[in-house]
Amino acid sequence: MNNINKKLPFCNEITHQKYLTAEKGIKTAYEMGCSHWYIDGSLIEEMVSDWNEARISNLNELILSTRIQPLFHGNFKAPLASDVEDFRAAAVDYTKKN
């Protein structure tokens, strides 16, 4: 049990959320003794176009070495009306398929 759980015994898991990039967030969550970390997909630094194979591979290695699990939150707006081109285009393509 980590220090946070001792202060909050009713919590089984603790997530770190400070609007950091995924890489900084997982390292901070690990240092704080959290079990999860929050990735905010609506941040400019976390746009879909920034998730390339090298970044995904690096994060997978960090997840395995730290055992910290990600919680990914997409853009909080309705995807079809999103001002984020990647989300809007994906929502339109998905709507056309169904």
PDB file of N, CA and C in Angstrom:
ATOM      1  N   MET A   1       0.855  -1.185   0.000  1.00  0.00           N
ATOM      2  CA  MET A   1       0.000   0.000   0.000  1.00  0.00           C
ATOM      3  C   MET A   1       0.896   1.241   0.000  1.00  0.00           C
ATOM      4  N   ASN A   2       0.625   2.175  -0.899  1.00  0.00           N
ATOM      5  CA  ASN A   2       1.446   3.380  -0.953  1.00  0.00           C
ATOM      6  C   ASN A   2       0.948   4.441   0.026  1.00  0.00           C
ATOM      7  N   ASN A   3       1.679   5.539   0.122  1.00  0.00           N
ATOM      8  CA  ASN A   3       1.342   6.602   1.074  1.00  0.00           C
ATOM      9  C   ASN A   3      -0.022   7.223   0.819  1.00  0.00           C
ATOM     10  N   ILE A   4      -0.409   7.349  -0.436  1.00  0.00           N
ATOM     11  CA  ILE A   4      -1.708   7.941  -0.752  1.00  0.00           C
ATOM     12  C   ILE A   4      -2.822   7.055  -0.219  1.00  0.00           C
ATOM     13  N   ASN A   5      -2.703   5.748  -0.406  1.00  0.00           N
ATOM     14  CA  ASN A   5      -3.736   4.831   0.086  1.00  0.00           C
ATOM     15  C   ASN A   5      -3.839   4.843   1.607  1.00  0.00           C
ATOM     16  N   LYS A   6      -2.747   5.101   2.311  1.00  0.00           N
ATOM     17  CA  LYS A   6      -2.793   5.188   3.765  1.00  0.00           C
ATOM     18  C   LYS A   6      -3.626   6.391   4.201  1.00  0.00           C
ATOM     19  N   LYS A   7      -3.553   7.474   3.420  1.00  0.00           N
ATOM     20  CA  LYS A   7      -4.327   8.668   3.731  1.00  0.00           C
ATOM     21  C   LYS A   7      -5.783   8.522   3.288  1.00  0.00           C
ATOM     22  N   LEU A   8      -6.015   7.723   2.257  1.00  0.00           N
ATOM     23  CA  LEU A   8      -7.360   7.510   1.711  1.00  0.00           C
ATOM     24  C   LEU A   8      -7.648   6.011   1.675  1.00  0.00           C
ATOM     25  N   PRO A   9      -7.866   5.381   2.826  1.00  0.00           N
ATOM     26  CA  PRO A   9      -7.998   3.919   2.873  1.00  0.00           C
ATOM     27  C   PRO A   9      -9.197   3.372   2.107  1.00  0.00           C
ATOM     28  N   PHE A  10     -10.158   4.213   1.762  1.00  0.00           N
ATOM     29  CA  PHE A  10     -11.326   3.763   1.013  1.00  0.00           C
ATOM     30  C   PHE A  10     -11.051   3.661  -0.485  1.00  0.00           C
ATOM     31  N   CYS A  11      -9.869   4.077  -0.920  1.00  0.00           N
ATOM     32  CA  CYS A  11      -9.507   4.028  -2.341  1.00  0.00           C
ATOM     33  C   CYS A  11      -8.642   2.809  -2.620  1.00  0.00           C
ATOM     34  N   ASN A  12      -8.999   2.073  -3.657  1.00  0.00           N
ATOM     35  CA  ASN A  12      -8.183   0.932  -4.076  1.00  0.00           C
ATOM     36  C   ASN A  12      -7.094   1.346  -5.048  1.00  0.00           C
ATOM     37  N   GLU A  13      -7.388   2.315  -5.882  1.00  0.00           N
ATOM     38  CA  GLU A  13      -6.467   2.779  -6.907  1.00  0.00           C
ATOM     39  C   GLU A  13      -6.453   4.298  -6.902  1.00  0.00           C
ATOM     40  N   ILE A  14      -5.330   4.878  -7.278  1.00  0.00           N
ATOM     41  CA  ILE A  14      -5.189   6.333  -7.306  1.00  0.00           C
ATOM     42  C   ILE A  14      -4.669   6.743  -8.683  1.00  0.00           C
ATOM     43  N   THR A  15      -5.293   7.738  -9.282  1.00  0.00           N
ATOM     44  CA  THR A  15      -4.880   8.240 -10.590  1.00  0.00           C
ATOM     45  C   THR A  15      -4.259   9.617 -10.445  1.00  0.00           C
ATOM     46  N   HIS A  16      -3.188   9.840 -11.199  1.00  0.00           N
ATOM     47  CA  HIS A  16      -2.544  11.146 -11.222  1.00  0.00           C
ATOM     48  C   HIS A  16      -3.062  11.935 -12.414  1.00  0.00           C
ATOM     49  N   GLN A  17      -3.498  13.166 -12.191  1.00  0.00           N
ATOM     50  CA  GLN A  17      -3.980  14.029 -13.269  1.00  0.00           C
ATOM     51  C   GLN A  17      -3.482  15.444 -13.033  1.00  0.00           C
ATOM     52  N   LYS A  18      -2.592  15.909 -13.899  1.00  0.00           N
ATOM     53  CA  LYS A  18      -2.097  17.274 -13.805  1.00  0.00           C
ATOM     54  C   LYS A  18      -1.936  17.898 -15.184  1.00  0.00           C
ATOM     55  N   TYR A  19      -2.606  17.394 -16.174  1.00  0.00           N
ATOM     56  CA  TYR A  19      -2.528  17.910 -17.537  1.00  0.00           C
ATOM     57  C   TYR A  19      -1.085  17.978 -18.034  1.00  0.00           C
ATOM     58  N   LEU A  20      -0.367  16.898 -17.833  1.00  0.00           N
ATOM     59  CA  LEU A  20       0.992  16.759 -18.333  1.00  0.00           C
ATOM     60  C   LEU A  20       0.955  15.913 -19.592  1.00  0.00           C
ATOM     61  N   THR A  21       2.033  15.955 -20.362  1.00  0.00           N
ATOM     62  CA  THR A  21       2.110  15.030 -21.492  1.00  0.00           C
ATOM     63  C   THR A  21       2.140  13.611 -20.929  1.00  0.00           C
ATOM     64  N   ALA A  22       1.826  12.643 -21.751  1.00  0.00           N
ATOM     65  CA  ALA A  22       1.758  11.252 -21.288  1.00  0.00           C
ATOM     66  C   ALA A  22       3.067  10.812 -20.647  1.00  0.00           C
ATOM     67  N   GLU A  23       4.187  11.165 -21.264  1.00  0.00           N
ATOM     68  CA  GLU A  23       5.487  10.744 -20.747  1.00  0.00           C
ATOM     69  C   GLU A  23       5.782  11.362 -19.376  1.00  0.00           C
ATOM     70  N   LYS A  24       5.518  12.642 -19.222  1.00  0.00           N
ATOM     71  CA  LYS A  24       5.743  13.290 -17.921  1.00  0.00           C
ATOM     72  C   LYS A  24       4.726  12.798 -16.898  1.00  0.00           C
ATOM     73  N   GLY A  25       3.513  12.560 -17.343  1.00  0.00           N
ATOM     74  CA  GLY A  25       2.458  12.115 -16.448  1.00  0.00           C
ATOM     75  C   GLY A  25       2.734  10.760 -15.833  1.00  0.00           C
ATOM     76  N   ILE A  26       3.189   9.803 -16.634  1.00  0.00           N
ATOM     77  CA  ILE A  26       3.451   8.469 -16.093  1.00  0.00           C
ATOM     78  C   ILE A  26       4.613   8.503 -15.112  1.00  0.00           C
ATOM     79  N   LYS A  27       5.631   9.292 -15.400  1.00  0.00           N
ATOM     80  CA  LYS A  27       6.775   9.394 -14.482  1.00  0.00           C
ATOM     81  C   LYS A  27       6.356  10.045 -13.166  1.00  0.00           C
ATOM     82  N   THR A  28       5.532  11.080 -13.241  1.00  0.00           N
ATOM     83  CA  THR A  28       5.054  11.750 -12.035  1.00  0.00           C
ATOM     84  C   THR A  28       4.151  10.827 -11.230  1.00  0.00           C
ATOM     85  N   ALA A  29       3.263  10.100 -11.905  1.00  0.00           N
ATOM     86  CA  ALA A  29       2.378   9.162 -11.216  1.00  0.00           C
ATOM     87  C   ALA A  29       3.200   8.095 -10.497  1.00  0.00           C
ATOM     88  N   TYR A  30       4.247   7.615 -11.151  1.00  0.00           N
ATOM     89  CA  TYR A  30       5.111   6.597 -10.538  1.00  0.00           C
ATOM     90  C   TYR A  30       5.783   7.152  -9.282  1.00  0.00           C
ATOM     91  N   GLU A  31       6.329   8.359  -9.385  1.00  0.00           N
ATOM     92  CA  GLU A  31       7.003   8.989  -8.245  1.00  0.00           C
ATOM     93  C   GLU A  31       6.048   9.233  -7.077  1.00  0.00           C
ATOM     94  N   MET A  32       4.771   9.476  -7.383  1.00  0.00           N
ATOM     95  CA  MET A  32       3.787   9.749  -6.343  1.00  0.00           C
ATOM     96  C   MET A  32       3.123   8.481  -5.796  1.00  0.00           C
ATOM     97  N   GLY A  33       3.474   7.326  -6.350  1.00  0.00           N
ATOM     98  CA  GLY A  33       2.911   6.078  -5.872  1.00  0.00           C
ATOM     99  C   GLY A  33       1.512   5.789  -6.375  1.00  0.00           C
ATOM    100  N   CYS A  34       1.137   6.376  -7.495  1.00  0.00           N
ATOM    101  CA  CYS A  34      -0.191   6.142  -8.068  1.00  0.00           C
ATOM    102  C   CYS A  34      -0.199   4.837  -8.864  1.00  0.00           C
ATOM    103  N   SER A  35      -1.379   4.301  -9.090  1.00  0.00           N
ATOM    104  CA  SER A  35      -1.520   3.081  -9.867  1.00  0.00           C
ATOM    105  C   SER A  35      -1.903   3.372 -11.321  1.00  0.00           C
ATOM    106  N   HIS A  36      -2.432   4.566 -11.591  1.00  0.00           N
ATOM    107  CA  HIS A  36      -2.886   4.966 -12.914  1.00  0.00           C
ATOM    108  C   HIS A  36      -2.454   6.404 -13.192  1.00  0.00           C
ATOM    109  N   TRP A  37      -2.487   6.756 -14.473  1.00  0.00           N
ATOM    110  CA  TRP A  37      -2.301   8.153 -14.820  1.00  0.00           C
ATOM    111  C   TRP A  37      -3.224   8.518 -15.960  1.00  0.00           C
ATOM    112  N   TYR A  38      -3.586   9.781 -15.996  1.00  0.00           N
ATOM    113  CA  TYR A  38      -4.606  10.314 -16.890  1.00  0.00           C
ATOM    114  C   TYR A  38      -3.934  10.983 -18.075  1.00  0.00           C
ATOM    115  N   ILE A  39      -4.344  10.593 -19.259  1.00  0.00           N
ATOM    116  CA  ILE A  39      -3.863  11.241 -20.481  1.00  0.00           C
ATOM    117  C   ILE A  39      -5.039  12.004 -21.058  1.00  0.00           C
ATOM    118  N   ASP A  40      -4.895  13.302 -21.197  1.00  0.00           N
ATOM    119  CA  ASP A  40      -5.977  14.139 -21.719  1.00  0.00           C
ATOM    120  C   ASP A  40      -5.804  14.323 -23.221  1.00  0.00           C
ATOM    121  N   GLY A  41      -6.603  13.591 -23.986  1.00  0.00           N
ATOM    122  CA  GLY A  41      -6.514  13.640 -25.440  1.00  0.00           C
ATOM    123  C   GLY A  41      -6.944  14.947 -26.066  1.00  0.00           C
ATOM    124  N   SER A  42      -7.464  15.872 -25.275  1.00  0.00           N
ATOM    125  CA  SER A  42      -7.839  17.172 -25.842  1.00  0.00           C
ATOM    126  C   SER A  42      -6.706  18.186 -25.735  1.00  0.00           C
ATOM    127  N   LEU A  43      -5.584  17.817 -25.097  1.00  0.00           N
ATOM    128  CA  LEU A  43      -4.438  18.721 -25.034  1.00  0.00           C
ATOM    129  C   LEU A  43      -3.742  18.764 -26.386  1.00  0.00           C
ATOM    130  N   ILE A  44      -3.207  19.892 -26.742  1.00  0.00           N
ATOM    131  CA  ILE A  44      -2.501  20.045 -28.021  1.00  0.00           C
ATOM    132  C   ILE A  44      -1.372  19.021 -28.129  1.00  0.00           C
ATOM    133  N   GLU A  45      -0.657  18.761 -27.027  1.00  0.00           N
ATOM    134  CA  GLU A  45       0.468  17.824 -27.044  1.00  0.00           C
ATOM    135  C   GLU A  45       0.029  16.369 -27.188  1.00  0.00           C
ATOM    136  N   GLU A  46      -1.245  16.095 -27.046  1.00  0.00           N
ATOM    137  CA  GLU A  46      -1.737  14.718 -27.083  1.00  0.00           C
ATOM    138  C   GLU A  46      -2.666  14.450 -28.265  1.00  0.00           C
ATOM    139  N   MET A  47      -2.578  15.244 -29.292  1.00  0.00           N
ATOM    140  CA  MET A  47      -3.428  15.063 -30.461  1.00  0.00           C
ATOM    141  C   MET A  47      -3.127  13.726 -31.135  1.00  0.00           C
ATOM    142  N   VAL A  48      -4.106  13.170 -31.769  1.00  0.00           N
ATOM    143  CA  VAL A  48      -3.982  11.859 -32.420  1.00  0.00           C
ATOM    144  C   VAL A  48      -2.791  11.815 -33.362  1.00  0.00           C
ATOM    145  N   SER A  49      -2.532  12.886 -34.062  1.00  0.00           N
ATOM    146  CA  SER A  49      -1.427  12.903 -35.028  1.00  0.00           C
ATOM    147  C   SER A  49      -0.055  12.793 -34.359  1.00  0.00           C
ATOM    148  N   ASP A  50       0.032  13.026 -33.060  1.00  0.00           N
ATOM    149  CA  ASP A  50       1.306  12.914 -32.334  1.00  0.00           C
ATOM    150  C   ASP A  50       1.584  11.501 -31.827  1.00  0.00           C
ATOM    151  N   TRP A  51       0.629  10.584 -31.989  1.00  0.00           N
ATOM    152  CA  TRP A  51       0.794   9.217 -31.489  1.00  0.00           C
ATOM    153  C   TRP A  51       1.388   8.342 -32.587  1.00  0.00           C
ATOM    154  N   ASN A  52       2.708   8.426 -32.756  1.00  0.00           N
ATOM    155  CA  ASN A  52       3.371   7.610 -33.764  1.00  0.00           C
ATOM    156  C   ASN A  52       3.875   6.306 -33.124  1.00  0.00           C
ATOM    157  N   GLU A  53       4.396   5.402 -33.944  1.00  0.00           N
ATOM    158  CA  GLU A  53       4.839   4.091 -33.459  1.00  0.00           C
ATOM    159  C   GLU A  53       5.921   4.207 -32.388  1.00  0.00           C
ATOM    160  N   ALA A  54       6.870   5.129 -32.565  1.00  0.00           N
ATOM    161  CA  ALA A  54       7.955   5.274 -31.593  1.00  0.00           C
ATOM    162  C   ALA A  54       7.417   5.724 -30.235  1.00  0.00           C
ATOM    163  N   ARG A  55       6.489   6.667 -30.240  1.00  0.00           N
ATOM    164  CA  ARG A  55       5.920   7.155 -28.986  1.00  0.00           C
ATOM    165  C   ARG A  55       5.115   6.056 -28.289  1.00  0.00           C
ATOM    166  N   ILE A  56       4.317   5.337 -29.044  1.00  0.00           N
ATOM    167  CA  ILE A  56       3.513   4.258 -28.480  1.00  0.00           C
ATOM    168  C   ILE A  56       4.427   3.175 -27.898  1.00  0.00           C
ATOM    169  N   SER A  57       5.485   2.832 -28.597  1.00  0.00           N
ATOM    170  CA  SER A  57       6.435   1.829 -28.120  1.00  0.00           C
ATOM    171  C   SER A  57       7.100   2.288 -26.826  1.00  0.00           C
ATOM    172  N   ASN A  58       7.520   3.549 -26.783  1.00  0.00           N
ATOM    173  CA  ASN A  58       8.142   4.109 -25.584  1.00  0.00           C
ATOM    174  C   ASN A  58       7.176   4.068 -24.395  1.00  0.00           C
ATOM    175  N   LEU A  59       5.924   4.464 -24.622  1.00  0.00           N
ATOM    176  CA  LEU A  59       4.948   4.446 -23.535  1.00  0.00           C
ATOM    177  C   LEU A  59       4.645   3.019 -23.080  1.00  0.00           C
ATOM    178  N   ASN A  60       4.591   2.078 -24.006  1.00  0.00           N
ATOM    179  CA  ASN A  60       4.382   0.682 -23.623  1.00  0.00           C
ATOM    180  C   ASN A  60       5.521   0.181 -22.730  1.00  0.00           C
ATOM    181  N   GLU A  61       6.748   0.588 -23.036  1.00  0.00           N
ATOM    182  CA  GLU A  61       7.890   0.211 -22.198  1.00  0.00           C
ATOM    183  C   GLU A  61       7.770   0.837 -20.810  1.00  0.00           C
ATOM    184  N   LEU A  62       7.360   2.106 -20.754  1.00  0.00           N
ATOM    185  CA  LEU A  62       7.175   2.776 -19.462  1.00  0.00           C
ATOM    186  C   LEU A  62       6.068   2.111 -18.648  1.00  0.00           C
ATOM    187  N   ILE A  63       4.982   1.719 -19.322  1.00  0.00           N
ATOM    188  CA  ILE A  63       3.877   1.042 -18.637  1.00  0.00           C
ATOM    189  C   ILE A  63       4.361  -0.280 -18.045  1.00  0.00           C
ATOM    190  N   LEU A  64       5.123  -1.045 -18.815  1.00  0.00           N
ATOM    191  CA  LEU A  64       5.631  -2.331 -18.325  1.00  0.00           C
ATOM    192  C   LEU A  64       6.611  -2.154 -17.171  1.00  0.00           C
ATOM    193  N   SER A  65       7.490  -1.155 -17.272  1.00  0.00           N
ATOM    194  CA  SER A  65       8.505  -0.980 -16.229  1.00  0.00           C
ATOM    195  C   SER A  65       7.956  -0.357 -14.951  1.00  0.00           C
ATOM    196  N   THR A  66       6.945   0.502 -15.061  1.00  0.00           N
ATOM    197  CA  THR A  66       6.399   1.174 -13.874  1.00  0.00           C
ATOM    198  C   THR A  66       5.155   0.487 -13.321  1.00  0.00           C
ATOM    199  N   ARG A  67       4.489  -0.289 -14.169  1.00  0.00           N
ATOM    200  CA  ARG A  67       3.216  -0.941 -13.839  1.00  0.00           C
ATOM    201  C   ARG A  67       2.107   0.078 -13.577  1.00  0.00           C
ATOM    202  N   ILE A  68       2.276   1.283 -14.094  1.00  0.00           N
ATOM    203  CA  ILE A  68       1.261   2.336 -14.002  1.00  0.00           C
ATOM    204  C   ILE A  68       0.374   2.214 -15.237  1.00  0.00           C
ATOM    205  N   GLN A  69      -0.942   2.169 -15.046  1.00  0.00           N
ATOM    206  CA  GLN A  69      -1.879   1.985 -16.153  1.00  0.00           C
ATOM    207  C   GLN A  69      -2.450   3.328 -16.621  1.00  0.00           C
ATOM    208  N   PRO A  70      -2.622   3.500 -17.933  1.00  0.00           N
ATOM    209  CA  PRO A  70      -3.159   4.753 -18.457  1.00  0.00           C
ATOM    210  C   PRO A  70      -4.685   4.806 -18.439  1.00  0.00           C
ATOM    211  N   LEU A  71      -5.193   5.988 -18.270  1.00  0.00           N
ATOM    212  CA  LEU A  71      -6.615   6.298 -18.474  1.00  0.00           C
ATOM    213  C   LEU A  71      -6.624   7.396 -19.531  1.00  0.00           C
ATOM    214  N   PHE A  72      -7.089   7.066 -20.730  1.00  0.00           N
ATOM    215  CA  PHE A  72      -7.085   8.044 -21.818  1.00  0.00           C
ATOM    216  C   PHE A  72      -8.456   8.682 -21.937  1.00  0.00           C
ATOM    217  N   HIS A  73      -8.469   9.985 -21.941  1.00  0.00           N
ATOM    218  CA  HIS A  73      -9.715  10.734 -22.084  1.00  0.00           C
ATOM    219  C   HIS A  73      -9.643  11.511 -23.394  1.00  0.00           C
ATOM    220  N   GLY A  74     -10.561  11.232 -24.295  1.00  0.00           N
ATOM    221  CA  GLY A  74     -10.590  11.942 -25.569  1.00  0.00           C
ATOM    222  C   GLY A  74     -11.098  13.358 -25.404  1.00  0.00           C
ATOM    223  N   ASN A  75     -11.212  14.046 -26.502  1.00  0.00           N
ATOM    224  CA  ASN A  75     -11.725  15.411 -26.478  1.00  0.00           C
ATOM    225  C   ASN A  75     -13.103  15.416 -25.835  1.00  0.00           C
ATOM    226  N   PHE A  76     -13.339  16.371 -24.982  1.00  0.00           N
ATOM    227  CA  PHE A  76     -14.578  16.417 -24.209  1.00  0.00           C
ATOM    228  C   PHE A  76     -15.770  16.912 -25.011  1.00  0.00           C
ATOM    229  N   LYS A  77     -15.541  17.392 -26.213  1.00  0.00           N
ATOM    230  CA  LYS A  77     -16.624  17.913 -27.049  1.00  0.00           C
ATOM    231  C   LYS A  77     -17.233  16.789 -27.880  1.00  0.00           C
ATOM    232  N   ALA A  78     -18.410  17.019 -28.411  1.00  0.00           N
ATOM    233  CA  ALA A  78     -19.013  16.048 -29.332  1.00  0.00           C
ATOM    234  C   ALA A  78     -18.103  15.932 -30.546  1.00  0.00           C
ATOM    235  N   PRO A  79     -17.640  14.709 -30.882  1.00  0.00           N
ATOM    236  CA  PRO A  79     -16.656  14.561 -31.947  1.00  0.00           C
ATOM    237  C   PRO A  79     -17.052  15.166 -33.293  1.00  0.00           C
ATOM    238  N   LEU A  80     -18.319  15.068 -33.679  1.00  0.00           N
ATOM    239  CA  LEU A  80     -18.716  15.622 -34.974  1.00  0.00           C
ATOM    240  C   LEU A  80     -18.585  17.139 -35.024  1.00  0.00           C
ATOM    241  N   ALA A  81     -18.632  17.780 -33.877  1.00  0.00           N
ATOM    242  CA  ALA A  81     -18.520  19.230 -33.810  1.00  0.00           C
ATOM    243  C   ALA A  81     -17.160  19.680 -33.293  1.00  0.00           C
ATOM    244  N   SER A  82     -16.231  18.755 -33.165  1.00  0.00           N
ATOM    245  CA  SER A  82     -14.933  19.079 -32.575  1.00  0.00           C
ATOM    246  C   SER A  82     -14.159  20.068 -33.429  1.00  0.00           C
ATOM    247  N   ASP A  83     -13.438  20.929 -32.735  1.00  0.00           N
ATOM    248  CA  ASP A  83     -12.542  21.845 -33.446  1.00  0.00           C
ATOM    249  C   ASP A  83     -11.190  21.180 -33.709  1.00  0.00           C
ATOM    250  N   VAL A  84     -11.024  19.959 -33.250  1.00  0.00           N
ATOM    251  CA  VAL A  84      -9.800  19.195 -33.488  1.00  0.00           C
ATOM    252  C   VAL A  84     -10.013  18.366 -34.750  1.00  0.00           C
ATOM    253  N   GLU A  85      -9.294  18.693 -35.790  1.00  0.00           N
ATOM    254  CA  GLU A  85      -9.498  18.078 -37.108  1.00  0.00           C
ATOM    255  C   GLU A  85      -9.439  16.550 -37.066  1.00  0.00           C
ATOM    256  N   ASP A  86      -8.471  15.990 -36.362  1.00  0.00           N
ATOM    257  CA  ASP A  86      -8.328  14.528 -36.305  1.00  0.00           C
ATOM    258  C   ASP A  86      -9.570  13.855 -35.724  1.00  0.00           C
ATOM    259  N   PHE A  87     -10.111  14.424 -34.639  1.00  0.00           N
ATOM    260  CA  PHE A  87     -11.308  13.847 -34.028  1.00  0.00           C
ATOM    261  C   PHE A  87     -12.521  14.000 -34.941  1.00  0.00           C
ATOM    262  N   ARG A  88     -12.674  15.191 -35.519  1.00  0.00           N
ATOM    263  CA  ARG A  88     -13.833  15.447 -36.375  1.00  0.00           C
ATOM    264  C   ARG A  88     -13.822  14.537 -37.599  1.00  0.00           C
ATOM    265  N   ALA A  89     -12.669  14.410 -38.243  1.00  0.00           N
ATOM    266  CA  ALA A  89     -12.565  13.566 -39.437  1.00  0.00           C
ATOM    267  C   ALA A  89     -12.860  12.103 -39.101  1.00  0.00           C
ATOM    268  N   ALA A  90     -12.337  11.628 -37.972  1.00  0.00           N
ATOM    269  CA  ALA A  90     -12.603  10.250 -37.559  1.00  0.00           C
ATOM    270  C   ALA A  90     -14.084  10.051 -37.259  1.00  0.00           C
ATOM    271  N   ALA A  91     -14.716  11.022 -36.625  1.00  0.00           N
ATOM    272  CA  ALA A  91     -16.145  10.923 -36.304  1.00  0.00           C
ATOM    273  C   ALA A  91     -16.985  10.898 -37.578  1.00  0.00           C
ATOM    274  N   VAL A  92     -16.625  11.708 -38.555  1.00  0.00           N
ATOM    275  CA  VAL A  92     -17.356  11.743 -39.826  1.00  0.00           C
ATOM    276  C   VAL A  92     -17.192  10.403 -40.546  1.00  0.00           C
ATOM    277  N   ASP A  93     -15.965   9.892 -40.599  1.00  0.00           N
ATOM    278  CA  ASP A  93     -15.719   8.602 -41.264  1.00  0.00           C
ATOM    279  C   ASP A  93     -16.505   7.481 -40.584  1.00  0.00           C
ATOM    280  N   TYR A  94     -16.503   7.473 -39.255  1.00  0.00           N
ATOM    281  CA  TYR A  94     -17.241   6.453 -38.509  1.00  0.00           C
ATOM    282  C   TYR A  94     -18.731   6.542 -38.785  1.00  0.00           C
ATOM    283  N   THR A  95     -19.267   7.758 -38.831  1.00  0.00           N
ATOM    284  CA  THR A  95     -20.698   7.974 -39.073  1.00  0.00           C
ATOM    285  C   THR A  95     -21.079   7.480 -40.484  1.00  0.00           C
ATOM    286  N   LYS A  96     -20.230   7.718 -41.447  1.00  0.00           N
ATOM    287  CA  LYS A  96     -20.506   7.277 -42.816  1.00  0.00           C
ATOM    288  C   LYS A  96     -20.521   5.763 -42.942  1.00  0.00           C
ATOM    289  N   LYS A  97     -19.705   5.059 -42.141  1.00  0.00           N
ATOM    290  CA  LYS A  97     -19.645   3.604 -42.188  1.00  0.00           C
ATOM    291  C   LYS A  97     -20.866   2.949 -41.572  1.00  0.00           C
ATOM    292  N   ASN A  98     -21.475   3.620 -40.622  1.00  0.00           N
ATOM    293  CA  ASN A  98     -22.588   3.008 -39.882  1.00  0.00           C
ATOM    294  C   ASN A  98     -23.865   3.608 -40.348  1.00  0.00           C
TER     295      ASN A  98
END
